[in-house]
Amino acid sequence: MKIMANSRNPEELKHYWNEFRRKTGRKYKELFIQSVDQDNEWAKRIGYTNKGEYNIAMYEDKNLVENLEKEIKKFQPFYQQIHAYVRKKLIHYYPNVTILPDGPIPAHLL
């Protein structure tokens, strides 16, 4: 993926980003689904609803999800500032590419 690391042509980056995602997504989608199904079946055999429930139980915190959500909210303003900074730099770096000033950053440009 040297092209993704070195190219500054937004159309070329978009092409290779889309092709990579298309090829790997198709190739590994079924394997991923099988893996998730197997993990969930294993978790059910040992008394959990699914593998996610098992993973959470390992932390021995009944309020883990709620506590994590609170921590994420603390970081959200900082994350938004970083996102805005990166978006602003990309708008200047790629002046001919439409990057909305308050929208998502196109993944192929990162």
PDB file of N, CA and C in Angstrom:
ATOM      1  N   MET A   1       0.820  -1.192   0.000  1.00  0.00           N
ATOM      2  CA  MET A   1       0.000   0.000   0.000  1.00  0.00           C
ATOM      3  C   MET A   1       0.863   1.255   0.000  1.00  0.00           C
ATOM      4  N   LYS A   2       1.979   1.212  -0.681  1.00  0.00           N
ATOM      5  CA  LYS A   2       2.825   2.396  -0.759  1.00  0.00           C
ATOM      6  C   LYS A   2       2.087   3.549  -1.417  1.00  0.00           C
ATOM      7  N   ILE A   3       1.158   3.231  -2.292  1.00  0.00           N
ATOM      8  CA  ILE A   3       0.385   4.287  -2.953  1.00  0.00           C
ATOM      9  C   ILE A   3      -0.378   5.092  -1.912  1.00  0.00           C
ATOM     10  N   MET A   4      -1.017   4.417  -0.972  1.00  0.00           N
ATOM     11  CA  MET A   4      -1.789   5.123   0.056  1.00  0.00           C
ATOM     12  C   MET A   4      -0.879   5.980   0.932  1.00  0.00           C
ATOM     13  N   ALA A   5       0.346   5.545   1.135  1.00  0.00           N
ATOM     14  CA  ALA A   5       1.276   6.295   1.981  1.00  0.00           C
ATOM     15  C   ALA A   5       1.908   7.466   1.242  1.00  0.00           C
ATOM     16  N   ASN A   6       2.080   7.339  -0.064  1.00  0.00           N
ATOM     17  CA  ASN A   6       2.861   8.338  -0.794  1.00  0.00           C
ATOM     18  C   ASN A   6       2.071   9.224  -1.744  1.00  0.00           C
ATOM     19  N   SER A   7       0.959   8.754  -2.236  1.00  0.00           N
ATOM     20  CA  SER A   7       0.208   9.533  -3.219  1.00  0.00           C
ATOM     21  C   SER A   7      -0.498  10.712  -2.562  1.00  0.00           C
ATOM     22  N   ARG A   8      -0.589  11.795  -3.290  1.00  0.00           N
ATOM     23  CA  ARG A   8      -1.361  12.959  -2.851  1.00  0.00           C
ATOM     24  C   ARG A   8      -2.441  13.297  -3.871  1.00  0.00           C
ATOM     25  N   ASN A   9      -2.712  12.326  -4.746  1.00  0.00           N
ATOM     26  CA  ASN A   9      -3.759  12.477  -5.745  1.00  0.00           C
ATOM     27  C   ASN A   9      -5.052  11.924  -5.150  1.00  0.00           C
ATOM     28  N   PRO A  10      -6.020  12.788  -4.840  1.00  0.00           N
ATOM     29  CA  PRO A  10      -7.226  12.315  -4.159  1.00  0.00           C
ATOM     30  C   PRO A  10      -8.019  11.267  -4.938  1.00  0.00           C
ATOM     31  N   GLU A  11      -8.043  11.366  -6.256  1.00  0.00           N
ATOM     32  CA  GLU A  11      -8.782  10.372  -7.050  1.00  0.00           C
ATOM     33  C   GLU A  11      -8.086   9.015  -7.011  1.00  0.00           C
ATOM     34  N   GLU A  12      -6.769   9.041  -7.094  1.00  0.00           N
ATOM     35  CA  GLU A  12      -6.007   7.791  -7.000  1.00  0.00           C
ATOM     36  C   GLU A  12      -6.189   7.160  -5.617  1.00  0.00           C
ATOM     37  N   LEU A  13      -6.113   7.972  -4.578  1.00  0.00           N
ATOM     38  CA  LEU A  13      -6.310   7.477  -3.215  1.00  0.00           C
ATOM     39  C   LEU A  13      -7.695   6.860  -3.051  1.00  0.00           C
ATOM     40  N   LYS A  14      -8.696   7.538  -3.593  1.00  0.00           N
ATOM     41  CA  LYS A  14     -10.073   7.037  -3.493  1.00  0.00           C
ATOM     42  C   LYS A  14     -10.213   5.699  -4.213  1.00  0.00           C
ATOM     43  N   HIS A  15      -9.624   5.610  -5.401  1.00  0.00           N
ATOM     44  CA  HIS A  15      -9.697   4.370  -6.172  1.00  0.00           C
ATOM     45  C   HIS A  15      -9.099   3.205  -5.384  1.00  0.00           C
ATOM     46  N   TYR A  16      -7.873   3.379  -4.896  1.00  0.00           N
ATOM     47  CA  TYR A  16      -7.210   2.285  -4.197  1.00  0.00           C
ATOM     48  C   TYR A  16      -7.862   1.985  -2.854  1.00  0.00           C
ATOM     49  N   TRP A  17      -8.373   2.989  -2.177  1.00  0.00           N
ATOM     50  CA  TRP A  17      -9.103   2.763  -0.925  1.00  0.00           C
ATOM     51  C   TRP A  17     -10.338   1.895  -1.192  1.00  0.00           C
ATOM     52  N   ASN A  18     -11.104   2.274  -2.207  1.00  0.00           N
ATOM     53  CA  ASN A  18     -12.320   1.520  -2.532  1.00  0.00           C
ATOM     54  C   ASN A  18     -12.008   0.097  -2.983  1.00  0.00           C
ATOM     55  N   GLU A  19     -10.965  -0.061  -3.802  1.00  0.00           N
ATOM     56  CA  GLU A  19     -10.598  -1.398  -4.275  1.00  0.00           C
ATOM     57  C   GLU A  19     -10.132  -2.283  -3.126  1.00  0.00           C
ATOM     58  N   PHE A  20      -9.325  -1.732  -2.239  1.00  0.00           N
ATOM     59  CA  PHE A  20      -8.857  -2.503  -1.090  1.00  0.00           C
ATOM     60  C   PHE A  20     -10.032  -2.958  -0.238  1.00  0.00           C
ATOM     61  N   ARG A  21     -10.938  -2.030   0.052  1.00  0.00           N
ATOM     62  CA  ARG A  21     -12.099  -2.362   0.881  1.00  0.00           C
ATOM     63  C   ARG A  21     -12.997  -3.395   0.181  1.00  0.00           C
ATOM     64  N   ARG A  22     -13.189  -3.220  -1.113  1.00  0.00           N
ATOM     65  CA  ARG A  22     -14.045  -4.139  -1.866  1.00  0.00           C
ATOM     66  C   ARG A  22     -13.463  -5.550  -1.862  1.00  0.00           C
ATOM     67  N   LYS A  23     -12.178  -5.661  -2.132  1.00  0.00           N
ATOM     68  CA  LYS A  23     -11.562  -6.986  -2.224  1.00  0.00           C
ATOM     69  C   LYS A  23     -11.419  -7.657  -0.866  1.00  0.00           C
ATOM     70  N   THR A  24     -10.987  -6.931   0.125  1.00  0.00           N
ATOM     71  CA  THR A  24     -10.826  -7.562   1.438  1.00  0.00           C
ATOM     72  C   THR A  24     -12.176  -7.818   2.084  1.00  0.00           C
ATOM     73  N   GLY A  25     -13.117  -6.923   1.872  1.00  0.00           N
ATOM     74  CA  GLY A  25     -14.443  -7.120   2.452  1.00  0.00           C
ATOM     75  C   GLY A  25     -15.101  -8.385   1.946  1.00  0.00           C
ATOM     76  N   ARG A  26     -15.062  -8.591   0.669  1.00  0.00           N
ATOM     77  CA  ARG A  26     -15.663  -9.796   0.085  1.00  0.00           C
ATOM     78  C   ARG A  26     -14.922 -11.048   0.528  1.00  0.00           C
ATOM     79  N   LYS A  27     -13.607 -10.941   0.580  1.00  0.00           N
ATOM     80  CA  LYS A  27     -12.779 -12.100   0.894  1.00  0.00           C
ATOM     81  C   LYS A  27     -12.978 -12.572   2.333  1.00  0.00           C
ATOM     82  N   TYR A  28     -13.109 -11.632   3.250  1.00  0.00           N
ATOM     83  CA  TYR A  28     -13.130 -11.990   4.667  1.00  0.00           C
ATOM     84  C   TYR A  28     -14.494 -11.895   5.336  1.00  0.00           C
ATOM     85  N   LYS A  29     -15.492 -11.432   4.623  1.00  0.00           N
ATOM     86  CA  LYS A  29     -16.808 -11.255   5.235  1.00  0.00           C
ATOM     87  C   LYS A  29     -17.341 -12.563   5.812  1.00  0.00           C
ATOM     88  N   GLU A  30     -17.338 -13.606   5.015  1.00  0.00           N
ATOM     89  CA  GLU A  30     -17.894 -14.882   5.476  1.00  0.00           C
ATOM     90  C   GLU A  30     -17.072 -15.461   6.623  1.00  0.00           C
ATOM     91  N   LEU A  31     -15.752 -15.342   6.547  1.00  0.00           N
ATOM     92  CA  LEU A  31     -14.903 -15.826   7.641  1.00  0.00           C
ATOM     93  C   LEU A  31     -15.184 -15.067   8.932  1.00  0.00           C
ATOM     94  N   PHE A  32     -15.391 -13.772   8.820  1.00  0.00           N
ATOM     95  CA  PHE A  32     -15.693 -12.961   9.997  1.00  0.00           C
ATOM     96  C   PHE A  32     -17.024 -13.386  10.614  1.00  0.00           C
ATOM     97  N   ILE A  33     -18.033 -13.568   9.783  1.00  0.00           N
ATOM     98  CA  ILE A  33     -19.352 -13.989  10.271  1.00  0.00           C
ATOM     99  C   ILE A  33     -19.245 -15.346  10.965  1.00  0.00           C
ATOM    100  N   GLN A  34     -18.513 -16.273  10.368  1.00  0.00           N
ATOM    101  CA  GLN A  34     -18.330 -17.594  10.980  1.00  0.00           C
ATOM    102  C   GLN A  34     -17.624 -17.481  12.329  1.00  0.00           C
ATOM    103  N   SER A  35     -16.621 -16.638  12.396  1.00  0.00           N
ATOM    104  CA  SER A  35     -15.878 -16.450  13.643  1.00  0.00           C
ATOM    105  C   SER A  35     -16.767 -15.891  14.747  1.00  0.00           C
ATOM    106  N   VAL A  36     -17.571 -14.892  14.413  1.00  0.00           N
ATOM    107  CA  VAL A  36     -18.495 -14.308  15.394  1.00  0.00           C
ATOM    108  C   VAL A  36     -19.507 -15.356  15.842  1.00  0.00           C
ATOM    109  N   ASP A  37     -20.043 -16.110  14.904  1.00  0.00           N
ATOM    110  CA  ASP A  37     -21.013 -17.160  15.248  1.00  0.00           C
ATOM    111  C   ASP A  37     -20.388 -18.204  16.177  1.00  0.00           C
ATOM    112  N   GLN A  38     -19.163 -18.624  15.879  1.00  0.00           N
ATOM    113  CA  GLN A  38     -18.483 -19.613  16.720  1.00  0.00           C
ATOM    114  C   GLN A  38     -18.228 -19.062  18.119  1.00  0.00           C
ATOM    115  N   ASP A  39     -17.771 -17.818  18.200  1.00  0.00           N
ATOM    116  CA  ASP A  39     -17.541 -17.192  19.506  1.00  0.00           C
ATOM    117  C   ASP A  39     -18.828 -17.111  20.310  1.00  0.00           C
ATOM    118  N   ASN A  40     -19.917 -16.740  19.655  1.00  0.00           N
ATOM    119  CA  ASN A  40     -21.200 -16.633  20.353  1.00  0.00           C
ATOM    120  C   ASN A  40     -21.707 -18.002  20.811  1.00  0.00           C
ATOM    121  N   GLU A  41     -21.530 -19.020  19.985  1.00  0.00           N
ATOM    122  CA  GLU A  41     -21.939 -20.377  20.377  1.00  0.00           C
ATOM    123  C   GLU A  41     -21.138 -20.845  21.583  1.00  0.00           C
ATOM    124  N   TRP A  42     -19.837 -20.590  21.569  1.00  0.00           N
ATOM    125  CA  TRP A  42     -18.993 -20.961  22.703  1.00  0.00           C
ATOM    126  C   TRP A  42     -19.468 -20.253  23.974  1.00  0.00           C
ATOM    127  N   ALA A  43     -19.735 -18.960  23.873  1.00  0.00           N
ATOM    128  CA  ALA A  43     -20.183 -18.193  25.038  1.00  0.00           C
ATOM    129  C   ALA A  43     -21.509 -18.733  25.569  1.00  0.00           C
ATOM    130  N   LYS A  44     -22.400 -19.120  24.678  1.00  0.00           N
ATOM    131  CA  LYS A  44     -23.692 -19.683  25.107  1.00  0.00           C
ATOM    132  C   LYS A  44     -23.498 -20.998  25.853  1.00  0.00           C
ATOM    133  N   ARG A  45     -22.541 -21.814  25.403  1.00  0.00           N
ATOM    134  CA  ARG A  45     -22.288 -23.100  26.065  1.00  0.00           C
ATOM    135  C   ARG A  45     -21.790 -22.922  27.498  1.00  0.00           C
ATOM    136  N   ILE A  46     -21.172 -21.780  27.790  1.00  0.00           N
ATOM    137  CA  ILE A  46     -20.676 -21.574  29.157  1.00  0.00           C
ATOM    138  C   ILE A  46     -21.559 -20.603  29.944  1.00  0.00           C
ATOM    139  N   GLY A  47     -22.767 -20.319  29.404  1.00  0.00           N
ATOM    140  CA  GLY A  47     -23.754 -19.600  30.195  1.00  0.00           C
ATOM    141  C   GLY A  47     -23.948 -18.127  29.908  1.00  0.00           C
ATOM    142  N   TYR A  48     -23.358 -17.620  28.845  1.00  0.00           N
ATOM    143  CA  TYR A  48     -23.532 -16.209  28.492  1.00  0.00           C
ATOM    144  C   TYR A  48     -24.454 -16.084  27.284  1.00  0.00           C
ATOM    145  N   THR A  49     -25.014 -14.905  27.114  1.00  0.00           N
ATOM    146  CA  THR A  49     -25.888 -14.657  25.969  1.00  0.00           C
ATOM    147  C   THR A  49     -25.092 -14.636  24.670  1.00  0.00           C
ATOM    148  N   ASN A  50     -23.895 -14.030  24.718  1.00  0.00           N
ATOM    149  CA  ASN A  50     -23.028 -13.927  23.544  1.00  0.00           C
ATOM    150  C   ASN A  50     -21.605 -13.608  24.008  1.00  0.00           C
ATOM    151  N   LYS A  51     -20.675 -13.534  23.073  1.00  0.00           N
ATOM    152  CA  LYS A  51     -19.265 -13.291  23.411  1.00  0.00           C
ATOM    153  C   LYS A  51     -19.065 -11.904  24.003  1.00  0.00           C
ATOM    154  N   GLY A  52     -19.847 -10.936  23.572  1.00  0.00           N
ATOM    155  CA  GLY A  52     -19.740  -9.593  24.132  1.00  0.00           C
ATOM    156  C   GLY A  52     -20.061  -9.579  25.617  1.00  0.00           C
ATOM    157  N   GLU A  53     -21.107 -10.303  25.993  1.00  0.00           N
ATOM    158  CA  GLU A  53     -21.472 -10.392  27.412  1.00  0.00           C
ATOM    159  C   GLU A  53     -20.347 -11.055  28.208  1.00  0.00           C
ATOM    160  N   TYR A  54     -19.750 -12.096  27.646  1.00  0.00           N
ATOM    161  CA  TYR A  54     -18.616 -12.761  28.297  1.00  0.00           C
ATOM    162  C   TYR A  54     -17.458 -11.784  28.483  1.00  0.00           C
ATOM    163  N   ASN A  55     -17.123 -11.035  27.440  1.00  0.00           N
ATOM    164  CA  ASN A  55     -16.014 -10.080  27.526  1.00  0.00           C
ATOM    165  C   ASN A  55     -16.250  -9.047  28.618  1.00  0.00           C
ATOM    166  N   ILE A  56     -17.459  -8.552  28.723  1.00  0.00           N
ATOM    167  CA  ILE A  56     -17.785  -7.554  29.742  1.00  0.00           C
ATOM    168  C   ILE A  56     -17.698  -8.172  31.134  1.00  0.00           C
ATOM    169  N   ALA A  57     -18.151  -9.416  31.276  1.00  0.00           N
ATOM    170  CA  ALA A  57     -18.141 -10.081  32.585  1.00  0.00           C
ATOM    171  C   ALA A  57     -16.723 -10.263  33.120  1.00  0.00           C
ATOM    172  N   MET A  58     -15.755 -10.352  32.250  1.00  0.00           N
ATOM    173  CA  MET A  58     -14.366 -10.530  32.679  1.00  0.00           C
ATOM    174  C   MET A  58     -13.881  -9.361  33.541  1.00  0.00           C
ATOM    175  N   TYR A  59     -14.485  -8.203  33.389  1.00  0.00           N
ATOM    176  CA  TYR A  59     -14.036  -7.017  34.120  1.00  0.00           C
ATOM    177  C   TYR A  59     -14.649  -6.915  35.516  1.00  0.00           C
ATOM    178  N   GLU A  60     -15.559  -7.787  35.844  1.00  0.00           N
ATOM    179  CA  GLU A  60     -16.179  -7.838  37.170  1.00  0.00           C
ATOM    180  C   GLU A  60     -16.757  -6.488  37.595  1.00  0.00           C
ATOM    181  N   ASP A  61     -17.280  -5.759  36.651  1.00  0.00           N
ATOM    182  CA  ASP A  61     -17.898  -4.454  36.928  1.00  0.00           C
ATOM    183  C   ASP A  61     -19.296  -4.494  36.332  1.00  0.00           C
ATOM    184  N   LYS A  62     -20.287  -4.523  37.173  1.00  0.00           N
ATOM    185  CA  LYS A  62     -21.674  -4.615  36.695  1.00  0.00           C
ATOM    186  C   LYS A  62     -22.089  -3.385  35.891  1.00  0.00           C
ATOM    187  N   ASN A  63     -21.393  -2.280  36.086  1.00  0.00           N
ATOM    188  CA  ASN A  63     -21.728  -1.030  35.396  1.00  0.00           C
ATOM    189  C   ASN A  63     -20.676  -0.662  34.354  1.00  0.00           C
ATOM    190  N   LEU A  64     -19.976  -1.644  33.830  1.00  0.00           N
ATOM    191  CA  LEU A  64     -18.876  -1.368  32.909  1.00  0.00           C
ATOM    192  C   LEU A  64     -19.313  -0.528  31.713  1.00  0.00           C
ATOM    193  N   VAL A  65     -20.386  -0.921  31.061  1.00  0.00           N
ATOM    194  CA  VAL A  65     -20.832  -0.198  29.859  1.00  0.00           C
ATOM    195  C   VAL A  65     -21.177   1.243  30.207  1.00  0.00           C
ATOM    196  N   GLU A  66     -21.912   1.441  31.285  1.00  0.00           N
ATOM    197  CA  GLU A  66     -22.285   2.802  31.696  1.00  0.00           C
ATOM    198  C   GLU A  66     -21.046   3.615  32.058  1.00  0.00           C
ATOM    199  N   ASN A  67     -20.098   2.998  32.766  1.00  0.00           N
ATOM    200  CA  ASN A  67     -18.873   3.705  33.143  1.00  0.00           C
ATOM    201  C   ASN A  67     -18.046   4.076  31.918  1.00  0.00           C
ATOM    202  N   LEU A  68     -17.969   3.183  30.957  1.00  0.00           N
ATOM    203  CA  LEU A  68     -17.240   3.486  29.724  1.00  0.00           C
ATOM    204  C   LEU A  68     -17.914   4.610  28.944  1.00  0.00           C
ATOM    205  N   GLU A  69     -19.234   4.592  28.899  1.00  0.00           N
ATOM    206  CA  GLU A  69     -19.954   5.663  28.203  1.00  0.00           C
ATOM    207  C   GLU A  69     -19.674   7.013  28.847  1.00  0.00           C
ATOM    208  N   LYS A  70     -19.595   7.063  30.171  1.00  0.00           N
ATOM    209  CA  LYS A  70     -19.269   8.313  30.866  1.00  0.00           C
ATOM    210  C   LYS A  70     -17.864   8.786  30.506  1.00  0.00           C
ATOM    211  N   GLU A  71     -16.918   7.860  30.466  1.00  0.00           N
ATOM    212  CA  GLU A  71     -15.538   8.221  30.128  1.00  0.00           C
ATOM    213  C   GLU A  71     -15.437   8.706  28.685  1.00  0.00           C
ATOM    214  N   ILE A  72     -16.151   8.060  27.795  1.00  0.00           N
ATOM    215  CA  ILE A  72     -16.142   8.481  26.389  1.00  0.00           C
ATOM    216  C   ILE A  72     -16.682   9.899  26.261  1.00  0.00           C
ATOM    217  N   LYS A  73     -17.723  10.222  27.000  1.00  0.00           N
ATOM    218  CA  LYS A  73     -18.293  11.575  26.950  1.00  0.00           C
ATOM    219  C   LYS A  73     -17.288  12.620  27.417  1.00  0.00           C
ATOM    220  N   LYS A  74     -16.424  12.258  28.346  1.00  0.00           N
ATOM    221  CA  LYS A  74     -15.393  13.193  28.810  1.00  0.00           C
ATOM    222  C   LYS A  74     -14.419  13.548  27.687  1.00  0.00           C
ATOM    223  N   PHE A  75     -14.118  12.564  26.838  1.00  0.00           N
ATOM    224  CA  PHE A  75     -13.155  12.764  25.765  1.00  0.00           C
ATOM    225  C   PHE A  75     -13.776  13.332  24.494  1.00  0.00           C
ATOM    226  N   GLN A  76     -15.075  13.337  24.407  1.00  0.00           N
ATOM    227  CA  GLN A  76     -15.743  13.751  23.175  1.00  0.00           C
ATOM    228  C   GLN A  76     -15.368  15.162  22.724  1.00  0.00           C
ATOM    229  N   PRO A  77     -15.326  16.173  23.601  1.00  0.00           N
ATOM    230  CA  PRO A  77     -14.939  17.508  23.134  1.00  0.00           C
ATOM    231  C   PRO A  77     -13.521  17.535  22.552  1.00  0.00           C
ATOM    232  N   PHE A  78     -12.601  16.827  23.183  1.00  0.00           N
ATOM    233  CA  PHE A  78     -11.231  16.767  22.675  1.00  0.00           C
ATOM    234  C   PHE A  78     -11.194  16.082  21.312  1.00  0.00           C
ATOM    235  N   TYR A  79     -11.908  14.984  21.178  1.00  0.00           N
ATOM    236  CA  TYR A  79     -11.987  14.271  19.909  1.00  0.00           C
ATOM    237  C   TYR A  79     -12.556  15.180  18.817  1.00  0.00           C
ATOM    238  N   GLN A  80     -13.591  15.939  19.142  1.00  0.00           N
ATOM    239  CA  GLN A  80     -14.197  16.841  18.157  1.00  0.00           C
ATOM    240  C   GLN A  80     -13.210  17.925  17.731  1.00  0.00           C
ATOM    241  N   GLN A  81     -12.399  18.409  18.664  1.00  0.00           N
ATOM    242  CA  GLN A  81     -11.392  19.418  18.319  1.00  0.00           C
ATOM    243  C   GLN A  81     -10.332  18.834  17.388  1.00  0.00           C
ATOM    244  N   ILE A  82      -9.878  17.633  17.685  1.00  0.00           N
ATOM    245  CA  ILE A  82      -8.893  16.983  16.809  1.00  0.00           C
ATOM    246  C   ILE A  82      -9.488  16.753  15.432  1.00  0.00           C
ATOM    247  N   HIS A  83     -10.710  16.282  15.392  1.00  0.00           N
ATOM    248  CA  HIS A  83     -11.397  16.023  14.126  1.00  0.00           C
ATOM    249  C   HIS A  83     -11.493  17.314  13.312  1.00  0.00           C
ATOM    250  N   ALA A  84     -11.871  18.401  13.954  1.00  0.00           N
ATOM    251  CA  ALA A  84     -11.997  19.689  13.263  1.00  0.00           C
ATOM    252  C   ALA A  84     -10.640  20.167  12.760  1.00  0.00           C
ATOM    253  N   TYR A  85      -9.608  19.987  13.553  1.00  0.00           N
ATOM    254  CA  TYR A  85      -8.257  20.406  13.155  1.00  0.00           C
ATOM    255  C   TYR A  85      -7.798  19.625  11.925  1.00  0.00           C
ATOM    256  N   VAL A  86      -7.958  18.305  11.952  1.00  0.00           N
ATOM    257  CA  VAL A  86      -7.546  17.470  10.820  1.00  0.00           C
ATOM    258  C   VAL A  86      -8.353  17.829   9.581  1.00  0.00           C
ATOM    259  N   ARG A  87      -9.656  18.011   9.740  1.00  0.00           N
ATOM    260  CA  ARG A  87     -10.509  18.375   8.604  1.00  0.00           C
ATOM    261  C   ARG A  87     -10.050  19.694   7.997  1.00  0.00           C
ATOM    262  N   LYS A  88      -9.744  20.689   8.839  1.00  0.00           N
ATOM    263  CA  LYS A  88      -9.292  21.998   8.351  1.00  0.00           C
ATOM    264  C   LYS A  88      -7.989  21.861   7.568  1.00  0.00           C
ATOM    265  N   LYS A  89      -7.053  21.076   8.081  1.00  0.00           N
ATOM    266  CA  LYS A  89      -5.781  20.868   7.379  1.00  0.00           C
ATOM    267  C   LYS A  89      -6.009  20.178   6.032  1.00  0.00           C
ATOM    268  N   LEU A  90      -6.906  19.197   6.009  1.00  0.00           N
ATOM    269  CA  LEU A  90      -7.186  18.496   4.754  1.00  0.00           C
ATOM    270  C   LEU A  90      -7.869  19.402   3.739  1.00  0.00           C
ATOM    271  N   ILE A  91      -8.732  20.287   4.202  1.00  0.00           N
ATOM    272  CA  ILE A  91      -9.392  21.240   3.297  1.00  0.00           C
ATOM    273  C   ILE A  91      -8.344  22.119   2.621  1.00  0.00           C
ATOM    274  N   HIS A  92      -7.335  22.529   3.369  1.00  0.00           N
ATOM    275  CA  HIS A  92      -6.258  23.345   2.784  1.00  0.00           C
ATOM    276  C   HIS A  92      -5.338  22.506   1.899  1.00  0.00           C
ATOM    277  N   TYR A  93      -5.100  21.256   2.292  1.00  0.00           N
ATOM    278  CA  TYR A  93      -4.192  20.387   1.552  1.00  0.00           C
ATOM    279  C   TYR A  93      -4.806  19.908   0.242  1.00  0.00           C
ATOM    280  N   TYR A  94      -6.120  19.682   0.250  1.00  0.00           N
ATOM    281  CA  TYR A  94      -6.847  19.225  -0.936  1.00  0.00           C
ATOM    282  C   TYR A  94      -7.907  20.259  -1.302  1.00  0.00           C
ATOM    283  N   PRO A  95      -7.510  21.404  -1.842  1.00  0.00           N
ATOM    284  CA  PRO A  95      -8.479  22.478  -2.104  1.00  0.00           C
ATOM    285  C   PRO A  95      -9.521  22.133  -3.167  1.00  0.00           C
ATOM    286  N   ASN A  96      -9.239  21.171  -4.028  1.00  0.00           N
ATOM    287  CA  ASN A  96     -10.183  20.817  -5.092  1.00  0.00           C
ATOM    288  C   ASN A  96     -11.097  19.646  -4.722  1.00  0.00           C
ATOM    289  N   VAL A  97     -11.015  19.196  -3.486  1.00  0.00           N
ATOM    290  CA  VAL A  97     -11.853  18.092  -3.013  1.00  0.00           C
ATOM    291  C   VAL A  97     -12.910  18.667  -2.087  1.00  0.00           C
ATOM    292  N   THR A  98     -14.139  18.213  -2.257  1.00  0.00           N
ATOM    293  CA  THR A  98     -15.209  18.685  -1.384  1.00  0.00           C
ATOM    294  C   THR A  98     -15.112  17.978  -0.038  1.00  0.00           C
ATOM    295  N   ILE A  99     -14.744  18.752   0.969  1.00  0.00           N
ATOM    296  CA  ILE A  99     -14.727  18.280   2.350  1.00  0.00           C
ATOM    297  C   ILE A  99     -15.594  19.261   3.116  1.00  0.00           C
ATOM    298  N   LEU A 100     -16.721  18.794   3.578  1.00  0.00           N
ATOM    299  CA  LEU A 100     -17.648  19.683   4.273  1.00  0.00           C
ATOM    300  C   LEU A 100     -17.034  20.174   5.577  1.00  0.00           C
ATOM    301  N   PRO A 101     -17.174  21.470   5.874  1.00  0.00           N
ATOM    302  CA  PRO A 101     -16.541  22.019   7.079  1.00  0.00           C
ATOM    303  C   PRO A 101     -17.111  21.477   8.380  1.00  0.00           C
ATOM    304  N   ASP A 102     -18.270  20.850   8.329  1.00  0.00           N
ATOM    305  CA  ASP A 102     -18.838  20.276   9.549  1.00  0.00           C
ATOM    306  C   ASP A 102     -19.267  18.824   9.340  1.00  0.00           C
ATOM    307  N   GLY A 103     -18.683  18.189   8.339  1.00  0.00           N
ATOM    308  CA  GLY A 103     -19.069  16.817   8.028  1.00  0.00           C
ATOM    309  C   GLY A 103     -17.959  15.829   8.294  1.00  0.00           C
ATOM    310  N   PRO A 104     -18.173  14.591   7.892  1.00  0.00           N
ATOM    311  CA  PRO A 104     -17.155  13.561   8.099  1.00  0.00           C
ATOM    312  C   PRO A 104     -15.947  13.781   7.190  1.00  0.00           C
ATOM    313  N   ILE A 105     -14.834  13.231   7.601  1.00  0.00           N
ATOM    314  CA  ILE A 105     -13.610  13.296   6.807  1.00  0.00           C
ATOM    315  C   ILE A 105     -13.591  12.075   5.885  1.00  0.00           C
ATOM    316  N   PRO A 106     -13.392  12.279   4.582  1.00  0.00           N
ATOM    317  CA  PRO A 106     -13.303  11.126   3.680  1.00  0.00           C
ATOM    318  C   PRO A 106     -12.131  10.225   4.086  1.00  0.00           C
ATOM    319  N   ALA A 107     -12.398   8.959   4.324  1.00  0.00           N
ATOM    320  CA  ALA A 107     -11.391   8.032   4.852  1.00  0.00           C
ATOM    321  C   ALA A 107     -10.184   7.893   3.939  1.00  0.00           C
ATOM    322  N   HIS A 108     -10.387   7.989   2.635  1.00  0.00           N
ATOM    323  CA  HIS A 108      -9.268   7.790   1.718  1.00  0.00           C
ATOM    324  C   HIS A 108      -8.247   8.923   1.778  1.00  0.00           C
ATOM    325  N   LEU A 109      -8.576  10.024   2.425  1.00  0.00           N
ATOM    326  CA  LEU A 109      -7.645  11.148   2.521  1.00  0.00           C
ATOM    327  C   LEU A 109      -6.802  11.107   3.794  1.00  0.00           C
ATOM    328  N   LEU A 110      -7.121  10.208   4.687  1.00  0.00           N
ATOM    329  CA  LEU A 110      -6.382  10.156   5.960  1.00  0.00           C
ATOM    330  C   LEU A 110      -5.099   9.376   5.845  1.00  0.00           C
TER     331      LEU A 110
END
